[in-house]
Amino acid sequence: MVSHELQLNKQLVGRAVEPPPGRDILVIGSSGAAIVLKQKDVPRGQLYKVRKYIAVVAAAVALAVLPIPPALVERFYSGRFYPPLQHALTSASNRLPVALFDILLVSVGVAWLAFAIRDASRAGLLRAASRIVVRSTVWAATLYLMFLTVWGLNYRRVRLADKVPFDASAVTAEAARTAGLVAVARLNALADRAHAEGFEATAGEDRALEDAFTRALSGIGLDPAVVVGRPKHTLLDWYFRRAGVDGMTDPYFLETLVVATILPFERSFVVAHEWSHLAGVANEGDANFVGWITCMNGSTAQQYSGWLFMYGELARAVGARDRAALGASLAPGPRADLQAIRARFLREVNPKVSDAGWRVYDTYLKANRVQEGAASYAEVVRLVLGARLPENPLAKTP
């Protein structure tokens, strides 16, 4: 029988130390309290398990707080380790029509609940609660380490603005207004041809978008050898629609997940954005930029999808008077499509769910070294105004 004793030991918190004979072993609870296991009462196999749990939690905490130079992440993780892993995982997950992320989510939830019920039926309330807390902490640490290994460290790589020719002086309110006028002109010119071409989500359409994606990555200076994800729907679709989320990249199996109800003319940009994440572009603003450049390299319908997105970003970046002027300049076709996007948003999004979800996501991004948090999505305007690339139609190249 194992005896338990709660005690706060500041010298041992977070350390996996080999205890001297006869001394106790410390297991840290999530609240900062500690469960002390009497070494003489703990079987040898149990001692190994306790040390392993401490090591996993300590490794997760260390990787969460220790700074890693972006140049090292870029060179060794994003440049060498991640690409072959992405090829293998996305190629494997593409073989299944269902989202492996859903299977993982359900499996972990069912397993956690089953163990919790077992603990509650076999032990007293306090002991069951302590086991559940320790297990939850270890599982969370394990999932976090998996997240960082498979994809999450890309958040710490060098940002696009620091990799491509970038002129910060070009990022001005006047430049945003001018870019908005360009977006209006392109939407008006492309709308009829794009609708005539069609926005069907076919295998041929996805292959054309994949070719555009490869050209975009090459033009930006990123590795073009990326296995693109097969767009899939997810069990989280209900939540995504109410939270105002159009898509997600599964960070464990590197899948592309899209909301079932996105409109046909939204799809190309949403898919290209998620493929940018598969390319290791984790920052949302950077992924928006790569997704938009992808659409600019694509068919008429794909270009139109990209310009619909960019118009919305630029309209939010200018003042109210300029925003009204941009809207008044839209032709009936683009205006109707933008109204349809807004109608979908109003129909599906629950403000309370959306606000709560984006607050959580803002915290998640900041915890992953994205200082702007959810506001990083809007960083795409800064990139399109300042990035001096031939592929960027909104910036003059040298």
Protein backbone atom coordinates (compact mmCIF):
# COMPACT_ATOMS: atom_id res chain seq x y z
CA MET A 1 0.00 0.00 0.00
CA VAL A 2 1.28 3.47 -0.92
CA SER A 3 1.00 6.20 1.69
CA HIS A 4 0.30 9.77 0.49
CA GLU A 5 1.25 12.99 2.21
CA LEU A 6 0.70 16.52 0.89
CA GLN A 7 3.60 18.87 1.38
CA LEU A 8 5.13 21.90 -0.37
CA ASN A 9 8.80 21.42 -1.10
CA LYS A 10 10.11 24.42 -3.02
CA GLN A 11 13.58 22.96 -3.49
CA LEU A 12 12.32 19.96 -5.43
CA VAL A 13 9.49 21.49 -7.46
CA GLY A 14 10.06 20.80 -11.17
CA ARG A 15 13.19 18.68 -10.58
CA ALA A 16 13.57 14.99 -11.25
CA VAL A 17 16.20 14.20 -8.60
CA GLU A 18 17.47 10.75 -7.64
CA PRO A 19 16.50 10.55 -3.96
CA PRO A 20 18.94 9.19 -1.36
CA PRO A 21 17.97 5.85 0.22
CA GLY A 22 15.06 6.24 2.59
CA ARG A 23 14.09 9.68 1.30
CA ASP A 24 10.73 10.54 -0.24
CA ILE A 25 9.83 11.13 -3.91
CA LEU A 26 7.93 14.24 -4.88
CA VAL A 27 5.10 14.27 -7.45
CA ILE A 28 3.93 17.76 -8.37
CA GLY A 29 0.24 18.55 -8.67
CA SER A 30 -1.07 21.14 -11.11
CA SER A 31 -1.90 23.54 -8.29
CA GLY A 32 1.70 23.67 -7.08
CA ALA A 33 1.05 21.32 -4.20
CA ALA A 34 3.11 18.17 -3.96
CA ILE A 35 2.28 14.55 -3.33
CA VAL A 36 5.09 12.87 -1.40
CA LEU A 37 5.45 9.15 -1.91
CA LYS A 38 7.33 7.27 0.80
CA GLN A 39 10.11 5.49 -1.07
CA LYS A 40 10.02 2.45 1.16
CA ASP A 41 6.34 1.94 0.31
CA VAL A 42 6.68 2.32 -3.48
CA PRO A 43 7.47 -0.67 -5.71
CA ARG A 44 10.56 -0.36 -7.92
CA GLY A 45 8.48 -0.21 -11.12
CA GLN A 46 6.37 2.54 -9.63
CA LEU A 47 9.48 4.57 -8.82
CA TYR A 48 10.51 4.44 -12.47
CA LYS A 49 7.03 5.56 -13.54
CA VAL A 50 7.07 8.51 -11.14
CA ARG A 51 10.48 9.63 -12.41
CA LYS A 52 9.27 9.31 -16.00
CA TYR A 53 6.20 11.45 -15.26
CA ILE A 54 8.35 14.13 -13.64
CA ALA A 55 10.73 14.11 -16.61
CA VAL A 56 7.88 14.53 -19.11
CA VAL A 57 6.32 17.44 -17.24
CA ALA A 58 9.71 19.08 -16.65
CA ALA A 59 10.59 18.79 -20.36
CA ALA A 60 7.27 20.35 -21.37
CA VAL A 61 7.69 23.24 -18.94
CA ALA A 62 11.28 23.82 -20.07
CA LEU A 63 10.38 23.93 -23.77
CA ALA A 64 7.45 26.24 -23.03
CA VAL A 65 9.53 28.86 -21.23
CA LEU A 66 13.10 28.57 -22.51
CA PRO A 67 13.95 30.92 -25.41
CA ILE A 68 15.21 29.27 -28.61
CA PRO A 69 16.84 31.53 -31.22
CA PRO A 70 14.66 31.71 -34.35
CA ALA A 71 17.71 31.16 -36.56
CA LEU A 72 18.35 27.79 -34.89
CA VAL A 73 14.72 26.75 -35.26
CA GLU A 74 14.79 27.84 -38.92
CA ARG A 75 17.95 25.92 -39.72
CA PHE A 76 17.60 22.69 -37.78
CA TYR A 77 13.86 22.20 -37.17
CA SER A 78 11.97 23.99 -39.97
CA GLY A 79 14.71 23.43 -42.54
CA ARG A 80 15.85 19.86 -41.78
CA PHE A 81 13.68 17.95 -39.33
CA TYR A 82 10.19 19.12 -40.25
CA PRO A 83 10.06 18.65 -44.09
CA PRO A 84 10.54 14.84 -44.18
CA LEU A 85 8.18 14.46 -41.23
CA GLN A 86 5.55 16.54 -43.03
CA HIS A 87 5.91 14.47 -46.18
CA ALA A 88 5.41 11.22 -44.27
CA LEU A 89 2.50 12.30 -42.04
CA THR A 90 0.49 14.21 -44.63
CA SER A 91 0.99 11.47 -47.24
CA ALA A 92 -0.31 8.91 -44.74
CA SER A 93 -3.25 10.98 -43.49
CA ASN A 94 -4.28 11.81 -47.07
CA ARG A 95 -5.08 8.12 -47.60
CA LEU A 96 -8.05 8.32 -45.25
CA PRO A 97 -11.23 10.29 -45.97
CA VAL A 98 -11.82 10.93 -42.26
CA ALA A 99 -9.84 13.27 -40.04
CA LEU A 100 -7.32 11.42 -37.89
CA PHE A 101 -7.48 14.42 -35.58
CA ASP A 102 -11.09 13.50 -34.80
CA ILE A 103 -10.05 9.94 -33.95
CA LEU A 104 -7.30 11.25 -31.66
CA LEU A 105 -9.68 13.71 -30.00
CA VAL A 106 -12.34 11.08 -29.33
CA SER A 107 -9.82 8.44 -28.23
CA VAL A 108 -8.12 10.71 -25.70
CA GLY A 109 -11.47 11.93 -24.36
CA VAL A 110 -12.90 8.42 -23.97
CA ALA A 111 -9.71 7.10 -22.38
CA TRP A 112 -9.53 10.00 -19.92
CA LEU A 113 -13.16 9.50 -18.92
CA ALA A 114 -12.72 5.73 -18.54
CA PHE A 115 -9.68 6.13 -16.27
CA ALA A 116 -11.45 8.80 -14.23
CA ILE A 117 -14.46 6.52 -13.69
CA ARG A 118 -12.15 3.67 -12.70
CA ASP A 119 -10.33 5.86 -10.20
CA ALA A 120 -13.57 7.11 -8.70
CA SER A 121 -14.89 3.55 -8.26
CA ARG A 122 -11.73 2.08 -6.74
CA ALA A 123 -10.42 4.85 -4.50
CA GLY A 124 -11.65 7.52 -2.14
CA LEU A 125 -12.51 10.98 -3.38
CA LEU A 126 -9.18 12.58 -2.46
CA ARG A 127 -7.04 9.79 -3.87
CA ALA A 128 -9.12 9.59 -7.05
CA ALA A 129 -8.86 13.35 -7.52
CA SER A 130 -5.08 13.29 -7.05
CA ARG A 131 -4.71 10.51 -9.63
CA ILE A 132 -6.87 12.38 -12.13
CA VAL A 133 -4.87 15.58 -11.63
CA VAL A 134 -1.53 13.81 -12.05
CA ARG A 135 -2.71 11.87 -15.10
CA SER A 136 -4.20 14.98 -16.71
CA THR A 137 -0.97 16.90 -16.14
CA VAL A 138 1.18 14.15 -17.64
CA TRP A 139 -1.12 13.64 -20.61
CA ALA A 140 -1.25 17.39 -21.30
CA ALA A 141 2.55 17.57 -21.12
CA THR A 142 2.85 14.60 -23.49
CA LEU A 143 0.45 16.11 -26.02
CA TYR A 144 2.31 19.42 -25.81
CA LEU A 145 5.65 17.72 -26.51
CA MET A 146 4.08 15.90 -29.46
CA PHE A 147 2.66 19.20 -30.72
CA LEU A 148 6.05 20.91 -30.59
CA THR A 149 7.82 17.98 -32.23
CA VAL A 150 5.39 17.49 -35.10
CA TRP A 151 4.60 21.12 -35.99
CA GLY A 152 4.50 23.63 -33.12
CA LEU A 153 8.15 24.69 -33.15
CA ASN A 154 7.46 26.39 -36.49
CA TYR A 155 5.95 29.22 -34.44
CA ARG A 156 9.51 30.06 -33.38
CA ARG A 157 11.10 30.19 -36.82
CA VAL A 158 12.15 33.38 -38.61
CA ARG A 159 9.17 35.51 -39.70
CA LEU A 160 8.58 36.23 -43.40
CA ALA A 161 9.15 39.97 -42.95
CA ASP A 162 12.67 39.11 -41.80
CA LYS A 163 13.33 36.71 -44.69
CA VAL A 164 12.06 38.53 -47.78
CA PRO A 165 13.00 42.00 -49.07
CA PHE A 166 10.83 44.24 -46.93
CA ASP A 167 10.41 48.03 -46.92
CA ALA A 168 8.80 49.11 -43.65
CA SER A 169 8.50 52.72 -44.89
CA ALA A 170 5.99 51.55 -47.51
CA VAL A 171 3.49 50.52 -44.83
CA THR A 172 1.35 53.66 -44.61
CA ALA A 173 -2.32 54.57 -44.44
CA GLU A 174 -2.16 56.03 -47.94
CA ALA A 175 -0.58 52.84 -49.27
CA ALA A 176 -3.39 50.83 -47.69
CA ARG A 177 -6.01 53.04 -49.32
CA THR A 178 -4.29 52.71 -52.71
CA ALA A 179 -4.06 48.93 -52.29
CA GLY A 180 -7.77 48.89 -51.47
CA LEU A 181 -8.52 50.59 -54.78
CA VAL A 182 -6.41 47.98 -56.58
CA ALA A 183 -8.36 45.20 -54.82
CA VAL A 184 -11.66 46.77 -55.93
CA ALA A 185 -10.44 47.06 -59.52
CA ARG A 186 -9.28 43.43 -59.60
CA LEU A 187 -12.53 42.14 -58.10
CA ASN A 188 -14.59 44.09 -60.62
CA ALA A 189 -12.45 42.82 -63.51
CA LEU A 190 -12.39 39.17 -62.42
CA ALA A 191 -15.91 38.59 -61.09
CA ASP A 192 -17.77 37.63 -64.27
CA ARG A 193 -14.96 35.45 -65.62
CA ALA A 194 -14.46 33.76 -62.23
CA HIS A 195 -18.13 32.85 -61.93
CA ALA A 196 -18.18 31.63 -65.53
CA GLU A 197 -15.12 29.47 -64.81
CA GLY A 198 -16.77 28.10 -61.67
CA PHE A 199 -15.61 27.34 -58.15
CA GLU A 200 -16.30 23.60 -57.99
CA ALA A 201 -14.20 21.70 -55.44
CA THR A 202 -12.89 19.09 -57.89
CA ALA A 203 -9.67 17.09 -57.93
CA GLY A 204 -8.56 19.07 -60.98
CA GLU A 205 -9.22 22.36 -59.22
CA ASP A 206 -7.16 21.23 -56.22
CA ARG A 207 -4.30 20.15 -58.51
CA ALA A 208 -4.33 23.59 -60.14
CA LEU A 209 -4.25 25.21 -56.69
CA GLU A 210 -1.40 22.88 -55.70
CA ASP A 211 0.60 24.02 -58.73
CA ALA A 212 -0.06 27.64 -57.79
CA PHE A 213 1.01 26.87 -54.21
CA THR A 214 4.31 25.40 -55.40
CA ARG A 215 5.01 28.48 -57.52
CA ALA A 216 4.13 30.78 -54.63
CA LEU A 217 6.48 29.01 -52.22
CA SER A 218 9.33 29.15 -54.75
CA GLY A 219 8.74 32.84 -55.42
CA ILE A 220 8.72 33.70 -51.72
CA GLY A 221 11.88 31.68 -51.10
CA LEU A 222 10.35 28.80 -49.16
CA ASP A 223 10.85 25.09 -49.77
CA PRO A 224 8.30 24.14 -52.47
CA ALA A 225 8.55 20.39 -51.76
CA VAL A 226 5.43 20.24 -49.60
CA VAL A 227 2.83 17.47 -49.64
CA VAL A 228 -0.50 19.33 -49.68
CA GLY A 229 -3.33 18.11 -47.50
CA ARG A 230 -6.57 16.56 -48.75
CA PRO A 231 -9.28 19.00 -47.55
CA LYS A 232 -11.43 17.21 -44.96
CA HIS A 233 -14.32 18.01 -42.67
CA THR A 234 -14.14 17.48 -38.92
CA LEU A 235 -16.30 16.72 -35.91
CA LEU A 236 -15.35 20.21 -34.72
CA ASP A 237 -17.27 21.70 -37.64
CA TRP A 238 -20.19 22.70 -35.41
CA TYR A 239 -17.88 24.62 -33.08
CA PHE A 240 -15.82 26.15 -35.91
CA ARG A 241 -18.91 27.60 -37.59
CA ARG A 242 -20.15 29.17 -34.36
CA ALA A 243 -16.70 30.50 -33.51
CA GLY A 244 -16.12 32.04 -36.94
CA VAL A 245 -13.28 29.66 -37.89
CA ASP A 246 -13.05 28.60 -41.54
CA GLY A 247 -10.30 25.99 -41.31
CA MET A 248 -7.58 24.37 -39.24
CA THR A 249 -4.34 22.49 -39.72
CA ASP A 250 -4.18 19.37 -37.58
CA PRO A 251 -0.83 19.73 -35.72
CA TYR A 252 -0.54 16.00 -34.95
CA PHE A 253 -1.22 14.30 -38.29
CA LEU A 254 -0.70 17.40 -40.48
CA GLU A 255 -4.12 17.33 -42.12
CA THR A 256 -6.08 20.14 -43.77
CA LEU A 257 -9.50 20.64 -42.15
CA VAL A 258 -12.07 23.02 -43.64
CA VAL A 259 -15.56 24.03 -42.57
CA ALA A 260 -18.29 22.34 -44.61
CA THR A 261 -20.29 25.52 -45.18
CA ILE A 262 -17.65 27.87 -46.60
CA LEU A 263 -18.90 29.37 -49.83
CA PRO A 264 -17.41 28.14 -53.14
CA PHE A 265 -15.59 31.40 -53.81
CA GLU A 266 -14.04 31.34 -50.31
CA ARG A 267 -12.63 27.83 -50.58
CA SER A 268 -9.46 28.41 -52.63
CA PHE A 269 -8.06 30.96 -50.22
CA VAL A 270 -9.04 28.96 -47.10
CA VAL A 271 -7.36 25.81 -48.44
CA ALA A 272 -4.25 27.73 -49.57
CA HIS A 273 -3.99 29.32 -46.11
CA GLU A 274 -4.07 25.91 -44.43
CA TRP A 275 -1.55 24.49 -46.88
CA SER A 276 0.75 27.35 -45.89
CA HIS A 277 0.67 25.96 -42.35
CA LEU A 278 1.65 22.54 -43.74
CA ALA A 279 4.66 24.28 -45.31
CA GLY A 280 5.74 25.21 -41.80
CA VAL A 281 4.44 28.79 -41.98
CA ALA A 282 2.83 28.90 -38.54
CA ASN A 283 2.27 32.63 -38.03
CA GLU A 284 -1.26 33.49 -39.17
CA GLY A 285 -0.31 36.72 -40.91
CA ASP A 286 2.48 34.97 -42.80
CA ALA A 287 0.12 32.12 -43.73
CA ASN A 288 -2.42 34.66 -45.01
CA PHE A 289 0.28 36.18 -47.20
CA VAL A 290 1.41 32.83 -48.63
CA GLY A 291 -2.21 31.79 -49.17
CA TRP A 292 -2.95 35.04 -51.00
CA ILE A 293 0.18 34.79 -53.18
CA THR A 294 -0.90 31.23 -53.99
CA CYS A 295 -4.25 32.48 -55.26
CA MET A 296 -2.50 35.18 -57.29
CA ASN A 297 -0.58 32.39 -59.07
CA GLY A 298 -3.74 30.39 -59.76
CA SER A 299 -6.72 30.39 -62.09
CA THR A 300 -9.12 33.29 -62.53
CA ALA A 301 -11.49 31.79 -59.95
CA GLN A 302 -8.63 31.29 -57.48
CA GLN A 303 -7.37 34.84 -57.99
CA TYR A 304 -10.88 36.10 -57.34
CA SER A 305 -11.03 34.11 -54.08
CA GLY A 306 -7.75 35.69 -53.01
CA TRP A 307 -8.90 39.21 -53.84
CA LEU A 308 -12.15 38.73 -51.90
CA PHE A 309 -10.05 37.93 -48.85
CA MET A 310 -7.61 40.79 -49.42
CA TYR A 311 -10.39 43.33 -49.95
CA GLY A 312 -11.76 42.47 -46.51
CA GLU A 313 -8.36 42.89 -44.87
CA LEU A 314 -7.64 46.21 -46.57
CA ALA A 315 -11.13 47.55 -45.87
CA ARG A 316 -10.56 46.94 -42.16
CA ALA A 317 -7.15 48.63 -42.35
CA VAL A 318 -8.41 52.00 -43.65
CA GLY A 319 -10.59 54.63 -42.06
CA ALA A 320 -14.39 54.66 -42.16
CA ARG A 321 -14.61 57.23 -44.98
CA ASP A 322 -12.17 55.34 -47.21
CA ARG A 323 -13.92 52.07 -46.37
CA ALA A 324 -17.25 53.47 -47.51
CA ALA A 325 -15.66 54.76 -50.73
CA LEU A 326 -14.17 51.34 -51.45
CA GLY A 327 -17.52 49.66 -50.93
CA ALA A 328 -19.29 52.14 -53.21
CA SER A 329 -16.79 51.35 -55.99
CA LEU A 330 -17.56 47.63 -56.04
CA ALA A 331 -19.44 46.21 -59.01
CA PRO A 332 -22.69 44.31 -58.31
CA GLY A 333 -21.02 40.88 -58.61
CA PRO A 334 -18.28 41.32 -55.98
CA ARG A 335 -20.67 43.26 -53.74
CA ALA A 336 -23.14 40.35 -53.81
CA ASP A 337 -20.40 37.83 -53.02
CA LEU A 338 -19.10 39.87 -50.08
CA GLN A 339 -22.67 40.23 -48.81
CA ALA A 340 -23.09 36.45 -49.06
CA ILE A 341 -19.94 35.95 -46.98
CA ARG A 342 -21.25 38.36 -44.36
CA ALA A 343 -24.66 36.66 -44.38
CA ARG A 344 -23.00 33.29 -43.72
CA PHE A 345 -21.09 34.81 -40.85
CA LEU A 346 -24.21 36.32 -39.30
CA ARG A 347 -26.15 33.10 -39.81
CA GLU A 348 -23.60 30.73 -38.30
CA VAL A 349 -21.51 32.61 -35.75
CA ASN A 350 -22.57 32.76 -32.12
CA PRO A 351 -21.03 35.96 -30.66
CA LYS A 352 -20.47 34.44 -27.21
CA VAL A 353 -18.87 31.28 -28.59
CA SER A 354 -16.80 33.32 -31.03
CA ASP A 355 -15.54 35.78 -28.40
CA ALA A 356 -14.62 32.99 -26.00
CA GLY A 357 -12.97 30.93 -28.73
CA TRP A 358 -10.86 33.80 -30.02
CA ARG A 359 -9.78 34.75 -26.50
CA VAL A 360 -8.56 31.19 -25.99
CA TYR A 361 -6.84 31.22 -29.39
CA ASP A 362 -5.24 34.58 -28.62
CA THR A 363 -3.79 33.07 -25.43
CA TYR A 364 -2.63 30.00 -27.36
CA LEU A 365 -0.82 32.11 -29.97
CA LYS A 366 0.88 34.28 -27.37
CA ALA A 367 1.97 31.15 -25.47
CA ASN A 368 3.61 30.03 -28.72
CA ARG A 369 5.67 33.23 -28.99
CA VAL A 370 3.28 35.09 -31.35
CA GLN A 371 3.29 38.42 -29.53
CA GLU A 372 0.42 39.87 -31.58
CA GLY A 373 -1.85 36.94 -30.65
CA ALA A 374 -5.00 36.68 -32.76
CA ALA A 375 -4.23 40.14 -34.18
CA SER A 376 -1.43 38.46 -36.18
CA TYR A 377 -4.02 37.60 -38.87
CA ALA A 378 -4.09 41.27 -39.84
CA GLU A 379 -0.29 41.33 -40.26
CA VAL A 380 -0.91 40.28 -43.86
CA VAL A 381 -1.66 43.92 -44.75
CA ARG A 382 1.79 44.92 -43.52
CA LEU A 383 3.35 42.17 -45.63
CA VAL A 384 1.50 42.98 -48.85
CA LEU A 385 2.40 46.65 -48.54
CA GLY A 386 6.04 46.14 -47.60
CA ALA A 387 7.22 42.87 -49.18
CA ARG A 388 9.22 43.64 -52.32
CA LEU A 389 8.60 40.48 -54.32
CA PRO A 390 7.75 40.00 -58.02
CA GLU A 391 4.87 37.75 -56.89
CA ASN A 392 3.30 40.58 -54.86
CA PRO A 393 1.00 42.66 -57.12
CA LEU A 394 0.49 45.26 -54.38
CA ALA A 395 4.13 46.26 -54.03
CA LYS A 396 6.62 47.62 -56.53
CA THR A 397 9.78 45.55 -56.86
CA PRO A 398 13.23 47.13 -57.09
